[in-house]
Amino acid sequence: MSKKKIKKIYKYECTMTGETFKTTAEAKHPDELVSVKAYYELNPDKDDRPSDVKIRLKQDEEALQSLMALQAPAEEK
């Protein structure tokens, strides 16, 4: 029988957004890792994503904000 290859999974946290993500490659400088969202916020001139992706992300962010606004009054009670 052949041996099962075990892949080690590394978990890192974005230093700006706090978002956690996984990768199978070890980072040389884990303290300098940022998420894709944070990278494009820091470098808007390098944002080369298609317009439909930008629109979808903006809609998702607006939906999340409206959801948070609906939950906030419920927490105050």
N, C-alpha and C. Protein backbone atom coordinates (compact mmCIF):
# COMPACT_ATOMS: atom_id res chain seq x y z
N MET A 1 0.84 -1.19 0.00
CA MET A 1 0.00 0.00 0.00
C MET A 1 0.88 1.24 0.00
N SER A 2 0.37 2.25 -0.63
CA SER A 2 1.11 3.50 -0.65
C SER A 2 0.75 4.34 0.58
N LYS A 3 1.67 5.15 0.95
CA LYS A 3 1.44 6.01 2.10
C LYS A 3 0.57 7.19 1.69
N LYS A 4 -0.27 7.58 2.59
CA LYS A 4 -1.12 8.73 2.35
C LYS A 4 -0.31 10.00 2.60
N LYS A 5 -0.32 10.87 1.62
CA LYS A 5 0.43 12.11 1.76
C LYS A 5 -0.37 13.07 2.65
N ILE A 6 0.27 13.56 3.66
CA ILE A 6 -0.39 14.47 4.59
C ILE A 6 0.06 15.89 4.29
N LYS A 7 -0.91 16.75 4.03
CA LYS A 7 -0.60 18.15 3.78
C LYS A 7 -0.81 18.93 5.07
N LYS A 8 0.17 19.69 5.43
CA LYS A 8 0.06 20.53 6.61
C LYS A 8 -0.66 21.81 6.22
N ILE A 9 -1.60 22.23 7.03
CA ILE A 9 -2.38 23.43 6.78
C ILE A 9 -1.96 24.49 7.78
N TYR A 10 -1.66 25.66 7.28
CA TYR A 10 -1.26 26.79 8.12
C TYR A 10 -2.41 27.79 8.18
N LYS A 11 -2.70 28.29 9.37
CA LYS A 11 -3.74 29.30 9.53
C LYS A 11 -3.07 30.63 9.86
N TYR A 12 -3.51 31.65 9.13
CA TYR A 12 -2.97 32.99 9.35
C TYR A 12 -4.11 33.98 9.51
N GLU A 13 -3.82 35.09 10.15
CA GLU A 13 -4.81 36.12 10.36
C GLU A 13 -4.34 37.41 9.69
N CYS A 14 -5.24 38.06 8.99
CA CYS A 14 -4.92 39.33 8.35
C CYS A 14 -4.63 40.36 9.43
N THR A 15 -3.55 41.10 9.28
CA THR A 15 -3.17 42.07 10.30
C THR A 15 -4.07 43.30 10.29
N MET A 16 -4.81 43.52 9.21
CA MET A 16 -5.67 44.71 9.12
C MET A 16 -7.13 44.40 9.44
N THR A 17 -7.67 43.35 8.82
CA THR A 17 -9.10 43.07 8.97
C THR A 17 -9.39 42.02 10.03
N GLY A 18 -8.39 41.27 10.44
CA GLY A 18 -8.61 40.21 11.43
C GLY A 18 -9.19 38.95 10.81
N GLU A 19 -9.35 38.94 9.50
CA GLU A 19 -9.89 37.78 8.78
C GLU A 19 -8.90 36.62 8.85
N THR A 20 -9.41 35.42 9.12
CA THR A 20 -8.56 34.24 9.20
C THR A 20 -8.64 33.47 7.89
N PHE A 21 -7.50 33.00 7.42
CA PHE A 21 -7.48 32.21 6.20
C PHE A 21 -6.46 31.09 6.33
N LYS A 22 -6.64 30.05 5.49
CA LYS A 22 -5.78 28.87 5.53
C LYS A 22 -4.98 28.77 4.24
N THR A 23 -3.80 28.17 4.37
CA THR A 23 -2.98 27.91 3.20
C THR A 23 -2.13 26.67 3.46
N THR A 24 -1.69 26.03 2.39
CA THR A 24 -0.85 24.84 2.55
C THR A 24 0.63 25.20 2.50
N ALA A 25 0.93 26.45 2.22
CA ALA A 25 2.32 26.90 2.17
C ALA A 25 2.62 27.76 3.40
N GLU A 26 3.78 27.56 3.96
CA GLU A 26 4.17 28.35 5.13
C GLU A 26 4.64 29.72 4.67
N ALA A 27 4.19 30.75 5.35
CA ALA A 27 4.56 32.12 5.00
C ALA A 27 5.92 32.46 5.62
N LYS A 28 6.74 33.15 4.84
CA LYS A 28 8.04 33.56 5.35
C LYS A 28 7.90 34.67 6.39
N HIS A 29 6.95 35.57 6.17
CA HIS A 29 6.72 36.69 7.07
C HIS A 29 5.23 36.76 7.42
N PRO A 30 4.75 35.93 8.33
CA PRO A 30 3.31 35.89 8.62
C PRO A 30 2.75 37.18 9.22
N ASP A 31 3.60 38.00 9.81
CA ASP A 31 3.12 39.26 10.38
C ASP A 31 2.79 40.30 9.32
N GLU A 32 3.24 40.08 8.10
CA GLU A 32 3.01 41.03 7.02
C GLU A 32 1.88 40.61 6.09
N LEU A 33 1.18 39.53 6.39
CA LEU A 33 0.12 39.04 5.51
C LEU A 33 -1.14 39.90 5.64
N VAL A 34 -1.75 40.21 4.51
CA VAL A 34 -3.02 40.92 4.49
C VAL A 34 -3.96 40.19 3.53
N SER A 35 -5.24 40.32 3.77
CA SER A 35 -6.23 39.68 2.90
C SER A 35 -6.31 40.43 1.58
N VAL A 36 -6.98 39.84 0.61
CA VAL A 36 -7.14 40.46 -0.70
C VAL A 36 -7.92 41.77 -0.54
N LYS A 37 -8.95 41.74 0.28
CA LYS A 37 -9.76 42.94 0.51
C LYS A 37 -8.90 44.07 1.08
N ALA A 38 -8.09 43.77 2.07
CA ALA A 38 -7.23 44.78 2.67
C ALA A 38 -6.19 45.29 1.67
N TYR A 39 -5.66 44.42 0.84
CA TYR A 39 -4.67 44.82 -0.16
C TYR A 39 -5.27 45.85 -1.12
N TYR A 40 -6.48 45.58 -1.61
CA TYR A 40 -7.09 46.50 -2.55
C TYR A 40 -7.54 47.79 -1.87
N GLU A 41 -7.83 47.76 -0.58
CA GLU A 41 -8.14 48.99 0.14
C GLU A 41 -6.89 49.85 0.27
N LEU A 42 -5.74 49.21 0.47
CA LEU A 42 -4.48 49.94 0.58
C LEU A 42 -3.99 50.44 -0.78
N ASN A 43 -4.28 49.69 -1.84
CA ASN A 43 -3.79 50.00 -3.18
C ASN A 43 -4.94 50.08 -4.19
N PRO A 44 -5.79 51.09 -4.10
CA PRO A 44 -6.93 51.16 -5.03
C PRO A 44 -6.50 51.35 -6.49
N ASP A 45 -5.32 51.91 -6.72
CA ASP A 45 -4.85 52.10 -8.08
C ASP A 45 -4.45 50.78 -8.75
N LYS A 46 -4.20 49.74 -7.97
CA LYS A 46 -3.81 48.43 -8.51
C LYS A 46 -4.99 47.47 -8.62
N ASP A 47 -6.19 47.97 -8.35
CA ASP A 47 -7.39 47.12 -8.38
C ASP A 47 -7.77 46.83 -9.82
N ASP A 48 -7.38 45.66 -10.31
CA ASP A 48 -7.64 45.28 -11.69
C ASP A 48 -8.73 44.21 -11.81
N ARG A 49 -9.54 44.08 -10.77
CA ARG A 49 -10.62 43.10 -10.82
C ARG A 49 -11.70 43.55 -11.79
N PRO A 50 -12.42 42.60 -12.39
CA PRO A 50 -13.52 42.97 -13.30
C PRO A 50 -14.60 43.76 -12.57
N SER A 51 -15.32 44.58 -13.29
CA SER A 51 -16.32 45.45 -12.68
C SER A 51 -17.44 44.65 -12.01
N ASP A 52 -17.81 43.50 -12.56
CA ASP A 52 -18.88 42.72 -11.94
C ASP A 52 -18.45 42.19 -10.56
N VAL A 53 -17.19 41.91 -10.38
CA VAL A 53 -16.69 41.47 -9.08
C VAL A 53 -16.75 42.62 -8.08
N LYS A 54 -16.37 43.80 -8.52
CA LYS A 54 -16.41 44.98 -7.65
C LYS A 54 -17.84 45.29 -7.22
N ILE A 55 -18.78 45.19 -8.16
CA ILE A 55 -20.18 45.46 -7.87
C ILE A 55 -20.72 44.44 -6.87
N ARG A 56 -20.40 43.16 -7.08
CA ARG A 56 -20.87 42.11 -6.18
C ARG A 56 -20.32 42.30 -4.77
N LEU A 57 -19.05 42.65 -4.65
CA LEU A 57 -18.45 42.88 -3.34
C LEU A 57 -19.08 44.08 -2.64
N LYS A 58 -19.39 45.12 -3.40
CA LYS A 58 -20.03 46.30 -2.82
C LYS A 58 -21.43 45.95 -2.32
N GLN A 59 -22.17 45.16 -3.08
CA GLN A 59 -23.51 44.74 -2.67
C GLN A 59 -23.45 43.87 -1.43
N ASP A 60 -22.47 42.97 -1.36
CA ASP A 60 -22.31 42.12 -0.19
C ASP A 60 -22.00 42.95 1.06
N GLU A 61 -21.15 43.96 0.89
CA GLU A 61 -20.79 44.82 2.01
C GLU A 61 -22.00 45.62 2.50
N GLU A 62 -22.81 46.14 1.56
CA GLU A 62 -24.01 46.89 1.92
C GLU A 62 -25.02 46.00 2.63
N ALA A 63 -25.17 44.76 2.16
CA ALA A 63 -26.09 43.82 2.81
C ALA A 63 -25.64 43.50 4.22
N LEU A 64 -24.35 43.33 4.41
CA LEU A 64 -23.81 43.06 5.74
C LEU A 64 -24.03 44.24 6.68
N GLN A 65 -23.84 45.45 6.17
CA GLN A 65 -24.05 46.64 6.99
C GLN A 65 -25.51 46.78 7.39
N SER A 66 -26.43 46.51 6.47
CA SER A 66 -27.85 46.61 6.80
C SER A 66 -28.25 45.53 7.80
N LEU A 67 -27.66 44.35 7.69
CA LEU A 67 -27.93 43.29 8.64
C LEU A 67 -27.43 43.67 10.03
N MET A 68 -26.26 44.26 10.08
CA MET A 68 -25.70 44.71 11.36
C MET A 68 -26.56 45.81 11.97
N ALA A 69 -27.10 46.69 11.14
CA ALA A 69 -27.96 47.77 11.63
C ALA A 69 -29.26 47.22 12.20
N LEU A 70 -29.77 46.14 11.61
CA LEU A 70 -30.98 45.52 12.13
C LEU A 70 -30.74 44.80 13.45
N GLN A 71 -29.56 44.26 13.63
CA GLN A 71 -29.25 43.54 14.85
C GLN A 71 -28.88 44.45 16.00
N ALA A 72 -28.36 45.63 15.72
CA ALA A 72 -27.91 46.55 16.76
C ALA A 72 -29.03 46.96 17.71
N PRO A 73 -30.25 47.36 17.23
CA PRO A 73 -31.30 47.72 18.18
C PRO A 73 -31.76 46.54 19.03
N ALA A 74 -31.69 45.34 18.50
CA ALA A 74 -32.10 44.16 19.26
C ALA A 74 -31.13 43.90 20.42
N GLU A 75 -29.87 44.23 20.25
CA GLU A 75 -28.89 44.01 21.30
C GLU A 75 -29.01 45.02 22.42
N GLU A 76 -29.57 46.21 22.15
CA GLU A 76 -29.68 47.26 23.15
C GLU A 76 -30.78 46.98 24.15
N LYS A 77 -31.76 46.16 23.81
CA LYS A 77 -32.91 45.89 24.69
C LYS A 77 -32.53 45.12 25.90
